[in-house]
């Protein structure tokens, strides 16, 4: 299935994960297309990469079917990332099926799908699990229509370390606390988005046959909430404690900020029940290094929390 001249198409290219993938592929001299909505933002973000001759921009969105159909032509690989926030529960599966079908019909040989560890642990339980599970089912069906020519690889990450930039960063800076609705001993498996990017870039740049039909769970480190607070204490040089709030207060705070019920409920589930069974040190054989720990990530982003 591999081609001597690969061309990779990346959606979500200006986000944390997509940016890392684009830069890694271009650095390897692989022709890459970034599918973006904001042309000027992308030109500023990828100023250096655009001078290499290995990066092109395609301007469009997930509602621009005609634009995508034309832009994907001539590509052999496709990284598929779709954020389901504030969309209908069925939107992710519908969009991924539509874009996946077009990609395969236009000659793409490998799709690398960004899913979630919710699929491994809970299946359709919870709105995030439902969205990713149904989307995966549609993509697997598409790939199996022509298994000799269509490859699918699924990445299922745990909780993003960058989630700390939401509510946690303000609580840590101003209250010296991490506040959530889970027991202090409840565990969460965290993953650095850079590790996700590096894993995706490796899969997209190596032979299609090597990774065909693999599902990779990604978890860098499993920590209790108390251990997480201890990491921040160590790096910041001040005491950060964990405070358990009631489920009712957690729910009111989330919905009060405009989040839909299903997402707030899902985050409550995620806070108290780990979505990733364990850390996955085996991913090191794919990315060529150990996965980052939370301490690594906090050290790298320390200014945001001071």
C-alpha atoms as a PDB file:
ATOM      1  CA  UNK A   1       0.000   0.000   0.000  1.00  0.00           C
ATOM      2  CA  UNK A   2       2.926   2.389   0.497  1.00  0.00           C
ATOM      3  CA  UNK A   3       3.809   4.974  -2.089  1.00  0.00           C
ATOM      4  CA  UNK A   4       7.303   6.245  -2.895  1.00  0.00           C
ATOM      5  CA  UNK A   5       5.952   9.805  -2.960  1.00  0.00           C
ATOM      6  CA  UNK A   6       3.787  10.495   0.044  1.00  0.00           C
ATOM      7  CA  UNK A   7       1.566  13.539   0.489  1.00  0.00           C
ATOM      8  CA  UNK A   8      -0.101  14.062   3.853  1.00  0.00           C
ATOM      9  CA  UNK A   9      -3.305  16.039   4.479  1.00  0.00           C
ATOM     10  CA  UNK A  10      -3.788  17.362   8.035  1.00  0.00           C
ATOM     11  CA  UNK A  11      -7.040  18.664   9.546  1.00  0.00           C
ATOM     12  CA  UNK A  12      -7.025  20.643  12.784  1.00  0.00           C
ATOM     13  CA  UNK A  13      -3.649  21.892  11.593  1.00  0.00           C
ATOM     14  CA  UNK A  14      -3.473  25.058  13.717  1.00  0.00           C
ATOM     15  CA  UNK A  15      -4.290  23.363  17.035  1.00  0.00           C
ATOM     16  CA  UNK A  16      -1.719  21.994  19.481  1.00  0.00           C
ATOM     17  CA  UNK A  17      -1.738  18.510  17.968  1.00  0.00           C
ATOM     18  CA  UNK A  18      -2.050  19.490  14.310  1.00  0.00           C
ATOM     19  CA  UNK A  19       0.712  22.099  14.509  1.00  0.00           C
ATOM     20  CA  UNK A  20       3.123  19.537  15.894  1.00  0.00           C
ATOM     21  CA  UNK A  21       2.255  17.054  13.159  1.00  0.00           C
ATOM     22  CA  UNK A  22       2.679  19.598  10.367  1.00  0.00           C
ATOM     23  CA  UNK A  23       6.038  20.784  11.650  1.00  0.00           C
ATOM     24  CA  UNK A  24       7.340  17.257  12.132  1.00  0.00           C
ATOM     25  CA  UNK A  25       6.336  16.131   8.645  1.00  0.00           C
ATOM     26  CA  UNK A  26       7.735  19.227   6.950  1.00  0.00           C
ATOM     27  CA  UNK A  27      10.987  18.842   8.894  1.00  0.00           C
ATOM     28  CA  UNK A  28      11.272  15.343   7.396  1.00  0.00           C
ATOM     29  CA  UNK A  29      10.782  16.772   3.913  1.00  0.00           C
ATOM     30  CA  UNK A  30       7.330  15.226   3.480  1.00  0.00           C
ATOM     31  CA  UNK A  31       4.894  17.191   1.309  1.00  0.00           C
ATOM     32  CA  UNK A  32       2.070  18.280   3.600  1.00  0.00           C
ATOM     33  CA  UNK A  33      -1.203  20.143   3.224  1.00  0.00           C
ATOM     34  CA  UNK A  34      -2.691  21.948   6.230  1.00  0.00           C
ATOM     35  CA  UNK A  35      -6.481  22.264   6.060  1.00  0.00           C
ATOM     36  CA  UNK A  36      -7.255  25.561   7.820  1.00  0.00           C
ATOM     37  CA  UNK A  37     -10.018  28.147   8.200  1.00  0.00           C
ATOM     38  CA  UNK A  38      -7.921  31.259   8.818  1.00  0.00           C
ATOM     39  CA  UNK A  39      -5.365  31.797   6.062  1.00  0.00           C
ATOM     40  CA  UNK A  40      -3.497  34.708   7.661  1.00  0.00           C
ATOM     41  CA  UNK A  41      -3.257  33.010  11.044  1.00  0.00           C
ATOM     42  CA  UNK A  42      -1.848  29.930   9.334  1.00  0.00           C
ATOM     43  CA  UNK A  43       0.671  31.933   7.329  1.00  0.00           C
ATOM     44  CA  UNK A  44       1.910  33.520  10.547  1.00  0.00           C
ATOM     45  CA  UNK A  45       1.972  30.199  12.420  1.00  0.00           C
ATOM     46  CA  UNK A  46       3.794  28.286   9.686  1.00  0.00           C
ATOM     47  CA  UNK A  47       5.950  31.121   8.384  1.00  0.00           C
ATOM     48  CA  UNK A  48       9.140  29.044   8.379  1.00  0.00           C
ATOM     49  CA  UNK A  49       7.537  25.843   7.116  1.00  0.00           C
ATOM     50  CA  UNK A  50       5.988  27.621   4.133  1.00  0.00           C
ATOM     51  CA  UNK A  51       9.452  28.640   2.905  1.00  0.00           C
ATOM     52  CA  UNK A  52      10.537  24.987   2.567  1.00  0.00           C
ATOM     53  CA  UNK A  53       8.334  24.153  -0.391  1.00  0.00           C
ATOM     54  CA  UNK A  54       6.921  21.172   1.519  1.00  0.00           C
ATOM     55  CA  UNK A  55       3.838  22.866   3.009  1.00  0.00           C
ATOM     56  CA  UNK A  56       0.685  24.053   1.266  1.00  0.00           C
ATOM     57  CA  UNK A  57      -2.412  25.583   2.814  1.00  0.00           C
ATOM     58  CA  UNK A  58      -5.957  24.579   1.840  1.00  0.00           C
ATOM     59  CA  UNK A  59      -8.573  27.026   3.121  1.00  0.00           C
ATOM     60  CA  UNK A  60     -11.826  25.399   4.182  1.00  0.00           C
ATOM     61  CA  UNK A  61     -13.819  23.846   7.010  1.00  0.00           C
ATOM     62  CA  UNK A  62     -15.813  20.714   7.784  1.00  0.00           C
ATOM     63  CA  UNK A  63     -18.817  22.341   6.100  1.00  0.00           C
ATOM     64  CA  UNK A  64     -16.836  22.884   2.877  1.00  0.00           C
ATOM     65  CA  UNK A  65     -17.313  19.472   1.273  1.00  0.00           C
ATOM     66  CA  UNK A  66     -16.540  20.665  -2.256  1.00  0.00           C
ATOM     67  CA  UNK A  67     -13.383  22.451  -1.132  1.00  0.00           C
ATOM     68  CA  UNK A  68     -12.177  19.376   0.732  1.00  0.00           C
ATOM     69  CA  UNK A  69     -12.973  17.016  -2.146  1.00  0.00           C
ATOM     70  CA  UNK A  70     -10.763  19.046  -4.469  1.00  0.00           C
ATOM     71  CA  UNK A  71      -8.014  19.690  -1.932  1.00  0.00           C
ATOM     72  CA  UNK A  72      -7.582  16.045  -0.856  1.00  0.00           C
ATOM     73  CA  UNK A  73      -6.865  14.868  -4.395  1.00  0.00           C
ATOM     74  CA  UNK A  74      -3.342  13.555  -4.861  1.00  0.00           C
ATOM     75  CA  UNK A  75      -2.748  12.836  -1.182  1.00  0.00           C
ATOM     76  CA  UNK A  76      -1.858   9.405   0.198  1.00  0.00           C
ATOM     77  CA  UNK A  77      -2.310   9.983   3.938  1.00  0.00           C
ATOM     78  CA  UNK A  78      -4.970  11.814   5.956  1.00  0.00           C
ATOM     79  CA  UNK A  79      -4.882  12.895   9.598  1.00  0.00           C
ATOM     80  CA  UNK A  80      -8.472  13.330  10.776  1.00  0.00           C
ATOM     81  CA  UNK A  81      -9.214  15.477  13.819  1.00  0.00           C
ATOM     82  CA  UNK A  82     -12.668  16.850  14.542  1.00  0.00           C
ATOM     83  CA  UNK A  83     -13.553  18.635  17.792  1.00  0.00           C
ATOM     84  CA  UNK A  84     -17.119  17.849  18.833  1.00  0.00           C
ATOM     85  CA  UNK A  85     -17.629  20.676  21.331  1.00  0.00           C
ATOM     86  CA  UNK A  86     -21.069  22.301  21.152  1.00  0.00           C
ATOM     87  CA  UNK A  87     -22.138  20.114  18.220  1.00  0.00           C
ATOM     88  CA  UNK A  88     -24.879  17.490  18.063  1.00  0.00           C
ATOM     89  CA  UNK A  89     -23.936  14.028  19.407  1.00  0.00           C
ATOM     90  CA  UNK A  90     -24.148  12.538  15.913  1.00  0.00           C
ATOM     91  CA  UNK A  91     -22.113  15.271  14.191  1.00  0.00           C
ATOM     92  CA  UNK A  92     -18.723  13.655  14.693  1.00  0.00           C
ATOM     93  CA  UNK A  93     -19.669  10.311  13.158  1.00  0.00           C
ATOM     94  CA  UNK A  94     -21.458  11.982  10.251  1.00  0.00           C
ATOM     95  CA  UNK A  95     -18.565  14.317   9.454  1.00  0.00           C
ATOM     96  CA  UNK A  96     -15.828  11.743   9.884  1.00  0.00           C
ATOM     97  CA  UNK A  97     -17.715   9.254   7.731  1.00  0.00           C
ATOM     98  CA  UNK A  98     -18.266  11.832   4.984  1.00  0.00           C
ATOM     99  CA  UNK A  99     -14.686  13.090   4.964  1.00  0.00           C
ATOM    100  CA  UNK A 100     -13.267   9.590   5.363  1.00  0.00           C
ATOM    101  CA  UNK A 101     -15.274   8.287   2.426  1.00  0.00           C
ATOM    102  CA  UNK A 102     -14.222  11.185   0.198  1.00  0.00           C
ATOM    103  CA  UNK A 103     -10.577  10.720   1.192  1.00  0.00           C
ATOM    104  CA  UNK A 104     -10.564   7.009   0.400  1.00  0.00           C
ATOM    105  CA  UNK A 105     -12.454   7.525  -2.871  1.00  0.00           C
ATOM    106  CA  UNK A 106      -9.914  10.187  -3.891  1.00  0.00           C
ATOM    107  CA  UNK A 107      -7.038   7.752  -3.413  1.00  0.00           C
ATOM    108  CA  UNK A 108      -5.958   8.198   0.205  1.00  0.00           C
ATOM    109  CA  UNK A 109      -4.468   4.939   1.465  1.00  0.00           C
ATOM    110  CA  UNK A 110      -4.147   5.656   5.163  1.00  0.00           C
ATOM    111  CA  UNK A 111      -6.374   7.559   7.590  1.00  0.00           C
ATOM    112  CA  UNK A 112      -5.034   8.304  11.064  1.00  0.00           C
ATOM    113  CA  UNK A 113      -7.998   9.140  13.274  1.00  0.00           C
ATOM    114  CA  UNK A 114      -7.750  11.046  16.543  1.00  0.00           C
ATOM    115  CA  UNK A 115     -10.248   9.376  18.850  1.00  0.00           C
ATOM    116  CA  UNK A 116     -10.355   9.103  22.652  1.00  0.00           C
ATOM    117  CA  UNK A 117      -9.460   6.630  25.390  1.00  0.00           C
ATOM    118  CA  UNK A 118     -13.152   6.831  26.323  1.00  0.00           C
ATOM    119  CA  UNK A 119     -13.747   4.336  23.519  1.00  0.00           C
ATOM    120  CA  UNK A 120     -11.423   1.769  25.112  1.00  0.00           C
ATOM    121  CA  UNK A 121     -12.744   2.221  28.640  1.00  0.00           C
ATOM    122  CA  UNK A 122     -16.420   3.145  28.327  1.00  0.00           C
ATOM    123  CA  UNK A 123     -17.559   2.735  24.739  1.00  0.00           C
ATOM    124  CA  UNK A 124     -20.715   4.791  24.197  1.00  0.00           C
ATOM    125  CA  UNK A 125     -21.120   5.660  27.881  1.00  0.00           C
ATOM    126  CA  UNK A 126     -20.871   9.437  28.118  1.00  0.00           C
ATOM    127  CA  UNK A 127     -21.336  11.869  25.251  1.00  0.00           C
ATOM    128  CA  UNK A 128     -17.620  11.994  24.377  1.00  0.00           C
ATOM    129  CA  UNK A 129     -17.435   8.217  24.312  1.00  0.00           C
ATOM    130  CA  UNK A 130     -20.574   8.029  22.202  1.00  0.00           C
ATOM    131  CA  UNK A 131     -19.264  10.533  19.654  1.00  0.00           C
ATOM    132  CA  UNK A 132     -15.881   8.863  19.236  1.00  0.00           C
ATOM    133  CA  UNK A 133     -17.179   5.281  19.329  1.00  0.00           C
ATOM    134  CA  UNK A 134     -19.784   5.854  16.628  1.00  0.00           C
ATOM    135  CA  UNK A 135     -17.251   7.774  14.517  1.00  0.00           C
ATOM    136  CA  UNK A 136     -14.759   4.930  14.784  1.00  0.00           C
ATOM    137  CA  UNK A 137     -17.409   2.416  13.766  1.00  0.00           C
ATOM    138  CA  UNK A 138     -18.097   4.388  10.593  1.00  0.00           C
ATOM    139  CA  UNK A 139     -14.400   4.666   9.719  1.00  0.00           C
ATOM    140  CA  UNK A 140     -13.710   0.968  10.326  1.00  0.00           C
ATOM    141  CA  UNK A 141     -16.611   0.095   8.031  1.00  0.00           C
ATOM    142  CA  UNK A 142     -15.188   2.334   5.294  1.00  0.00           C
ATOM    143  CA  UNK A 143     -11.706   0.833   5.629  1.00  0.00           C
ATOM    144  CA  UNK A 144     -13.055  -2.721   5.531  1.00  0.00           C
ATOM    145  CA  UNK A 145     -14.906  -2.080   2.270  1.00  0.00           C
ATOM    146  CA  UNK A 146     -11.517  -2.376   0.537  1.00  0.00           C
ATOM    147  CA  UNK A 147      -8.964  -3.609   3.103  1.00  0.00           C
ATOM    148  CA  UNK A 148      -6.184  -4.090   0.556  1.00  0.00           C
ATOM    149  CA  UNK A 149      -6.189  -0.410  -0.385  1.00  0.00           C
ATOM    150  CA  UNK A 150      -7.614   1.291   2.705  1.00  0.00           C
ATOM    151  CA  UNK A 151      -5.701   1.486   5.990  1.00  0.00           C
ATOM    152  CA  UNK A 152      -6.987   2.919   9.262  1.00  0.00           C
ATOM    153  CA  UNK A 153      -5.001   3.706  12.421  1.00  0.00           C
ATOM    154  CA  UNK A 154      -6.729   5.038  15.544  1.00  0.00           C
ATOM    155  CA  UNK A 155      -5.141   7.091  18.315  1.00  0.00           C
ATOM    156  CA  UNK A 156      -6.971   7.070  21.655  1.00  0.00           C
ATOM    157  CA  UNK A 157      -5.393   9.579  24.068  1.00  0.00           C
ATOM    158  CA  UNK A 158      -6.234  10.036  27.717  1.00  0.00           C
ATOM    159  CA  UNK A 159      -6.750  13.432  29.354  1.00  0.00           C
ATOM    160  CA  UNK A 160      -4.790  16.228  27.695  1.00  0.00           C
ATOM    161  CA  UNK A 161      -2.292  17.971  29.959  1.00  0.00           C
ATOM    162  CA  UNK A 162      -3.309  21.174  28.192  1.00  0.00           C
ATOM    163  CA  UNK A 163      -6.714  20.832  29.912  1.00  0.00           C
ATOM    164  CA  UNK A 164      -4.985  22.510  32.860  1.00  0.00           C
ATOM    165  CA  UNK A 165      -5.151  25.745  30.861  1.00  0.00           C
ATOM    166  CA  UNK A 166      -8.927  25.818  31.367  1.00  0.00           C
ATOM    167  CA  UNK A 167     -10.127  26.187  34.956  1.00  0.00           C
ATOM    168  CA  UNK A 168      -7.098  24.785  36.792  1.00  0.00           C
ATOM    169  CA  UNK A 169      -4.707  27.536  35.760  1.00  0.00           C
ATOM    170  CA  UNK A 170      -6.804  30.247  37.436  1.00  0.00           C
ATOM    171  CA  UNK A 171      -7.293  28.243  40.638  1.00  0.00           C
ATOM    172  CA  UNK A 172      -3.596  27.422  40.865  1.00  0.00           C
ATOM    173  CA  UNK A 173      -2.475  31.022  40.260  1.00  0.00           C
ATOM    174  CA  UNK A 174      -4.960  32.780  42.497  1.00  0.00           C
ATOM    175  CA  UNK A 175      -6.053  30.225  45.113  1.00  0.00           C
ATOM    176  CA  UNK A 176      -3.119  27.762  45.245  1.00  0.00           C
ATOM    177  CA  UNK A 177      -5.645  24.983  44.711  1.00  0.00           C
ATOM    178  CA  UNK A 178      -6.826  22.418  42.207  1.00  0.00           C
ATOM    179  CA  UNK A 179     -10.585  21.999  42.576  1.00  0.00           C
ATOM    180  CA  UNK A 180     -12.699  19.179  41.144  1.00  0.00           C
ATOM    181  CA  UNK A 181     -15.549  16.878  42.092  1.00  0.00           C
ATOM    182  CA  UNK A 182     -13.549  13.657  42.452  1.00  0.00           C
ATOM    183  CA  UNK A 183     -12.061  11.940  45.458  1.00  0.00           C
ATOM    184  CA  UNK A 184      -8.452  12.993  46.154  1.00  0.00           C
ATOM    185  CA  UNK A 185      -7.390   9.386  45.481  1.00  0.00           C
ATOM    186  CA  UNK A 186      -9.168   9.160  42.116  1.00  0.00           C
ATOM    187  CA  UNK A 187      -6.759   8.695  39.228  1.00  0.00           C
ATOM    188  CA  UNK A 188      -6.465  10.309  35.803  1.00  0.00           C
ATOM    189  CA  UNK A 189      -4.045   9.300  33.055  1.00  0.00           C
ATOM    190  CA  UNK A 190      -2.567  12.381  31.395  1.00  0.00           C
ATOM    191  CA  UNK A 191      -0.961  12.810  27.984  1.00  0.00           C
ATOM    192  CA  UNK A 192       1.078  15.664  26.510  1.00  0.00           C
ATOM    193  CA  UNK A 193      -0.331  16.780  23.161  1.00  0.00           C
ATOM    194  CA  UNK A 194       3.254  16.793  21.865  1.00  0.00           C
ATOM    195  CA  UNK A 195       3.369  13.040  22.438  1.00  0.00           C
ATOM    196  CA  UNK A 196       0.168  12.661  20.422  1.00  0.00           C
ATOM    197  CA  UNK A 197       1.649  14.764  17.613  1.00  0.00           C
ATOM    198  CA  UNK A 198       4.860  12.758  17.553  1.00  0.00           C
ATOM    199  CA  UNK A 199       2.964   9.463  17.502  1.00  0.00           C
ATOM    200  CA  UNK A 200       0.740  10.630  14.645  1.00  0.00           C
ATOM    201  CA  UNK A 201       3.710  11.980  12.684  1.00  0.00           C
ATOM    202  CA  UNK A 202       5.533   8.664  13.054  1.00  0.00           C
ATOM    203  CA  UNK A 203       2.535   6.708  11.791  1.00  0.00           C
ATOM    204  CA  UNK A 204       2.005   9.122   8.895  1.00  0.00           C
ATOM    205  CA  UNK A 205       5.644   8.988   7.813  1.00  0.00           C
ATOM    206  CA  UNK A 206       6.376   5.276   8.174  1.00  0.00           C
ATOM    207  CA  UNK A 207       5.100   2.520   5.905  1.00  0.00           C
ATOM    208  CA  UNK A 208       1.347   2.096   5.750  1.00  0.00           C
ATOM    209  CA  UNK A 209       1.719  -1.645   6.331  1.00  0.00           C
ATOM    210  CA  UNK A 210       3.600  -1.187   9.617  1.00  0.00           C
ATOM    211  CA  UNK A 211       0.723   0.454  11.462  1.00  0.00           C
ATOM    212  CA  UNK A 212      -2.276  -0.818   9.483  1.00  0.00           C
ATOM    213  CA  UNK A 213      -5.349  -1.349  11.705  1.00  0.00           C
ATOM    214  CA  UNK A 214      -3.536  -0.625  14.950  1.00  0.00           C
ATOM    215  CA  UNK A 215      -5.274   1.155  17.806  1.00  0.00           C
ATOM    216  CA  UNK A 216      -2.884   3.079  20.030  1.00  0.00           C
ATOM    217  CA  UNK A 217      -3.997   4.177  23.492  1.00  0.00           C
ATOM    218  CA  UNK A 218      -1.865   7.070  24.722  1.00  0.00           C
ATOM    219  CA  UNK A 219      -1.264   7.843  28.387  1.00  0.00           C
ATOM    220  CA  UNK A 220       1.887   9.458  29.715  1.00  0.00           C
ATOM    221  CA  UNK A 221       1.355   9.234  33.454  1.00  0.00           C
ATOM    222  CA  UNK A 222      -1.376   8.134  35.857  1.00  0.00           C
ATOM    223  CA  UNK A 223      -1.758  10.331  38.931  1.00  0.00           C
ATOM    224  CA  UNK A 224      -4.217  10.796  41.752  1.00  0.00           C
ATOM    225  CA  UNK A 225      -5.516  14.326  42.214  1.00  0.00           C
ATOM    226  CA  UNK A 226      -3.353  14.687  45.318  1.00  0.00           C
ATOM    227  CA  UNK A 227      -0.289  13.566  43.344  1.00  0.00           C
ATOM    228  CA  UNK A 228      -1.163  16.047  40.614  1.00  0.00           C
ATOM    229  CA  UNK A 229      -1.261  18.869  43.163  1.00  0.00           C
ATOM    230  CA  UNK A 230       2.093  17.687  44.513  1.00  0.00           C
ATOM    231  CA  UNK A 231       3.624  17.977  41.030  1.00  0.00           C
ATOM    232  CA  UNK A 232       2.509  21.595  40.760  1.00  0.00           C
ATOM    233  CA  UNK A 233       3.800  22.258  44.302  1.00  0.00           C
ATOM    234  CA  UNK A 234       7.222  20.873  43.413  1.00  0.00           C
ATOM    235  CA  UNK A 235       7.615  22.784  40.160  1.00  0.00           C
ATOM    236  CA  UNK A 236       6.106  26.093  41.339  1.00  0.00           C
ATOM    237  CA  UNK A 237       7.887  26.051  44.684  1.00  0.00           C
ATOM    238  CA  UNK A 238       4.740  26.708  46.704  1.00  0.00           C
ATOM    239  CA  UNK A 239       2.024  24.588  48.273  1.00  0.00           C
ATOM    240  CA  UNK A 240      -0.770  23.619  45.870  1.00  0.00           C
ATOM    241  CA  UNK A 241      -3.552  21.585  47.483  1.00  0.00           C
ATOM    242  CA  UNK A 242      -6.420  19.561  46.066  1.00  0.00           C
ATOM    243  CA  UNK A 243      -9.954  20.478  47.121  1.00  0.00           C
ATOM    244  CA  UNK A 244     -12.935  18.258  46.476  1.00  0.00           C
ATOM    245  CA  UNK A 245     -16.144  20.085  45.633  1.00  0.00           C
ATOM    246  CA  UNK A 246     -19.610  18.565  45.515  1.00  0.00           C
ATOM    247  CA  UNK A 247     -20.955  17.139  42.294  1.00  0.00           C
ATOM    248  CA  UNK A 248     -23.755  19.688  42.500  1.00  0.00           C
ATOM    249  CA  UNK A 249     -21.333  22.630  42.651  1.00  0.00           C
ATOM    250  CA  UNK A 250     -19.224  21.161  39.848  1.00  0.00           C
ATOM    251  CA  UNK A 251     -22.310  20.793  37.679  1.00  0.00           C
ATOM    252  CA  UNK A 252     -23.608  24.293  38.442  1.00  0.00           C
ATOM    253  CA  UNK A 253     -20.212  25.823  37.677  1.00  0.00           C
ATOM    254  CA  UNK A 254     -19.970  24.033  34.327  1.00  0.00           C
ATOM    255  CA  UNK A 255     -23.479  24.772  33.130  1.00  0.00           C
ATOM    256  CA  UNK A 256     -23.166  28.299  34.500  1.00  0.00           C
ATOM    257  CA  UNK A 257     -20.352  28.902  32.041  1.00  0.00           C
ATOM    258  CA  UNK A 258     -22.592  27.806  29.173  1.00  0.00           C
ATOM    259  CA  UNK A 259     -21.467  24.202  28.783  1.00  0.00           C
ATOM    260  CA  UNK A 260     -24.180  21.743  27.680  1.00  0.00           C
ATOM    261  CA  UNK A 261     -25.445  19.259  30.258  1.00  0.00           C
ATOM    262  CA  UNK A 262     -23.984  16.242  28.439  1.00  0.00           C
ATOM    263  CA  UNK A 263     -20.444  17.630  28.424  1.00  0.00           C
ATOM    264  CA  UNK A 264     -20.528  18.724  32.083  1.00  0.00           C
ATOM    265  CA  UNK A 265     -21.845  15.287  33.056  1.00  0.00           C
ATOM    266  CA  UNK A 266     -19.123  13.662  30.954  1.00  0.00           C
ATOM    267  CA  UNK A 267     -16.404  15.742  32.624  1.00  0.00           C
ATOM    268  CA  UNK A 268     -17.773  14.743  36.032  1.00  0.00           C
ATOM    269  CA  UNK A 269     -17.524  11.113  34.950  1.00  0.00           C
ATOM    270  CA  UNK A 270     -13.986  11.688  33.698  1.00  0.00           C
ATOM    271  CA  UNK A 271     -12.898  13.385  36.942  1.00  0.00           C
ATOM    272  CA  UNK A 272     -13.860  10.447  39.119  1.00  0.00           C
ATOM    273  CA  UNK A 273     -13.266   7.481  36.794  1.00  0.00           C
ATOM    274  CA  UNK A 274     -10.081   7.303  34.725  1.00  0.00           C
ATOM    275  CA  UNK A 275     -10.757   7.112  30.983  1.00  0.00           C
ATOM    276  CA  UNK A 276      -7.428   5.420  30.286  1.00  0.00           C
ATOM    277  CA  UNK A 277      -6.787   2.124  32.092  1.00  0.00           C
ATOM    278  CA  UNK A 278      -3.052   2.719  32.520  1.00  0.00           C
ATOM    279  CA  UNK A 279      -0.121   4.730  31.249  1.00  0.00           C
ATOM    280  CA  UNK A 280       1.245   3.417  27.950  1.00  0.00           C
ATOM    281  CA  UNK A 281       5.070   3.437  28.094  1.00  0.00           C
ATOM    282  CA  UNK A 282       5.079   1.119  25.064  1.00  0.00           C
ATOM    283  CA  UNK A 283       4.367   4.136  22.829  1.00  0.00           C
ATOM    284  CA  UNK A 284       8.081   4.933  23.282  1.00  0.00           C
ATOM    285  CA  UNK A 285       8.863   2.319  20.613  1.00  0.00           C
ATOM    286  CA  UNK A 286       6.866   4.399  18.114  1.00  0.00           C
ATOM    287  CA  UNK A 287       8.055   7.906  18.994  1.00  0.00           C
ATOM    288  CA  UNK A 288      11.629   6.942  19.893  1.00  0.00           C
ATOM    289  CA  UNK A 289      11.603   8.393  23.432  1.00  0.00           C
ATOM    290  CA  UNK A 290       9.717   8.077  26.725  1.00  0.00           C
ATOM    291  CA  UNK A 291       6.371   9.845  27.015  1.00  0.00           C
ATOM    292  CA  UNK A 292       6.392  13.127  28.921  1.00  0.00           C
ATOM    293  CA  UNK A 293       5.371  13.233  32.562  1.00  0.00           C
ATOM    294  CA  UNK A 294       3.126  15.913  34.045  1.00  0.00           C
ATOM    295  CA  UNK A 295       6.213  17.352  35.736  1.00  0.00           C
ATOM    296  CA  UNK A 296       7.891  17.682  32.335  1.00  0.00           C
ATOM    297  CA  UNK A 297       4.852  19.514  30.990  1.00  0.00           C
ATOM    298  CA  UNK A 298       4.466  21.874  33.968  1.00  0.00           C
ATOM    299  CA  UNK A 299       8.162  22.774  33.790  1.00  0.00           C
ATOM    300  CA  UNK A 300       7.743  23.638  30.123  1.00  0.00           C
ATOM    301  CA  UNK A 301       4.657  25.774  30.804  1.00  0.00           C
ATOM    302  CA  UNK A 302       5.595  27.133  34.223  1.00  0.00           C
ATOM    303  CA  UNK A 303       5.091  30.812  33.331  1.00  0.00           C
ATOM    304  CA  UNK A 304       1.372  30.233  32.699  1.00  0.00           C
ATOM    305  CA  UNK A 305       0.898  29.133  36.319  1.00  0.00           C
ATOM    306  CA  UNK A 306       3.010  31.725  38.132  1.00  0.00           C
END
